[in-house]
Amino acid sequence: MTVVEAHGAVDAVWRIESARIIAGVARIVRDVGLAEELAQDALVAALEQWPESGVPNNPGAWLMAIAKRRAIDLIRRKETYQRKLAEMGHELEIDSNGVEDSVEDQVEAILEDHIEDDLLRLVFTACHPVLTMDARVTLTLKLLGGLKTDEIARAFLAPEATIAQRIVRAKRNLAKAGVEFEVPSGDDLLERLTSVLEVVYLIYNEGYSATAGDDWMRPALCNEAMRLGRLLAELMPQEPEVHGLLALMELQSSRANARIGPDGEPVLLLDQDRRRWDRLLIRRGLEGLDRAWALDKPPGPYLLQAAIAACHARAADPDDTDWARIAGLYAVLAQVTPSPVVELNQAVAISMAFGPERGLEAVDALADEPSLKDYHLLPSVRGDLLFKLGRLDEARAEFEKAAALTRNERERTLLLERAAAC
């Protein structure tokens, strides 16, 4: 095997297995930052050995074994091995003659039995509220997504040094705050789960509608968020909001091929060729939505948004869209999570269901909302409604205002084209 082939294999295995490796090692050392370092050590060992030995039959298990061995060696050097094992809740005997293999076999058995629990612990640790949102997103992509620092930097159009510093600070802050490597319980679980889902959806949204730069979408971020969503759905199958978020992302992603024109320009929902929508993602999203409703719990924001996305997915033609139902779902969503942005989306649905005059009234009611002052979609929606009402000079001014507010070049071009059309 050539060095290039070995590096490619290592990269592929790391992307798939890194979260499990870091999670498994973190349960031994009780420190996420240290666990990642040990996992990286295993990666270096693979880069050194695989070109000569070839890729093992089970490369993920090979990396896990190396990382755990390094962790055990580290603990032994600190002469705290027995204490650390006790913290894991297991009584293991180490005989004075040091039967190393049997000890490692027992540790491995323990970790294999609890690997899914370890992954869940890693999710909640990476998304811990002691970290800023930027830090949570970055650490989640690094630890759970297996992305390299430069990949995260490219995805968010940030300098690599900035992302590297953010990762270092996040690990340091977790250690400084004494954050336990554990799954919260009781009321804390729901509160912390909200943070986890928020992180995943923020990653998804940055991929689905990039806030800045030249691209309308960044599919790699969307795919990574959906992968994290599927992981959560496996780990927490009784949480409807987890299924709701995954369904929402799959239903929105089903439109990806139709959202971008031949030259990379954005194509708005009502102008999309629905024959290009991904039927497999739609089916998976609708099935996930059914699973969420079947849990028979009060709907949360992600489940409601998924239900709205399902209304679009079920409509073979824009004219078939049940806009009245969408407006009603937004009304419920506004009660569950009051937000001016939700009210703006509700206003759009009202305009589609009951006419642009009604929609404009709802939009104008939000005109003095401070949080929407610099939100480009407010003048964009208002411009669209004014255009439909034939008030073209006013519409042009709104589109130009929206273009000045957005930081996405593709969206700016679209808005200026709409202004010119007035």
Foldseek 3Di string as FASTA:
>chain_A
DALVVLVVVLLVLLQVQQLLLLLLLCLQVFASVVSSVLLVVLSVVSSVPCRPVNQDPDNSVSSSLSSNVVSQVVCVVVVCNQVSVVVSVDHDDQDPVGPPVVVSVVSVVVSVVCSLQSSLLLLLLLLPPLADLVLSLLSCCVNVRVDDLVVVCVLQVHDSVVSVVSPVVSSVSSVVVVPGSGQDDDPVNVVSVVSSLVSLVVLLVCQCQPQADAARGNVVSLVSSLVVLVSVCVSCVLALLSLLQNLLSLLSVQCVVFQADPVRFGDDLQRTQLVSGRVVSLVSSVVSLVSSVVSVDPDALSSLSSVLSNQSNPDNHPVSRPLVVNLVSLVVNCVRPPDVVSQLVSLVSCCVVPNLVSSLVSLVVCVPPVVCPLPLVSLVSNLVSCVVVVVLVSSLVSLCSSLVRGNHPSSSVVSNVSSVVD
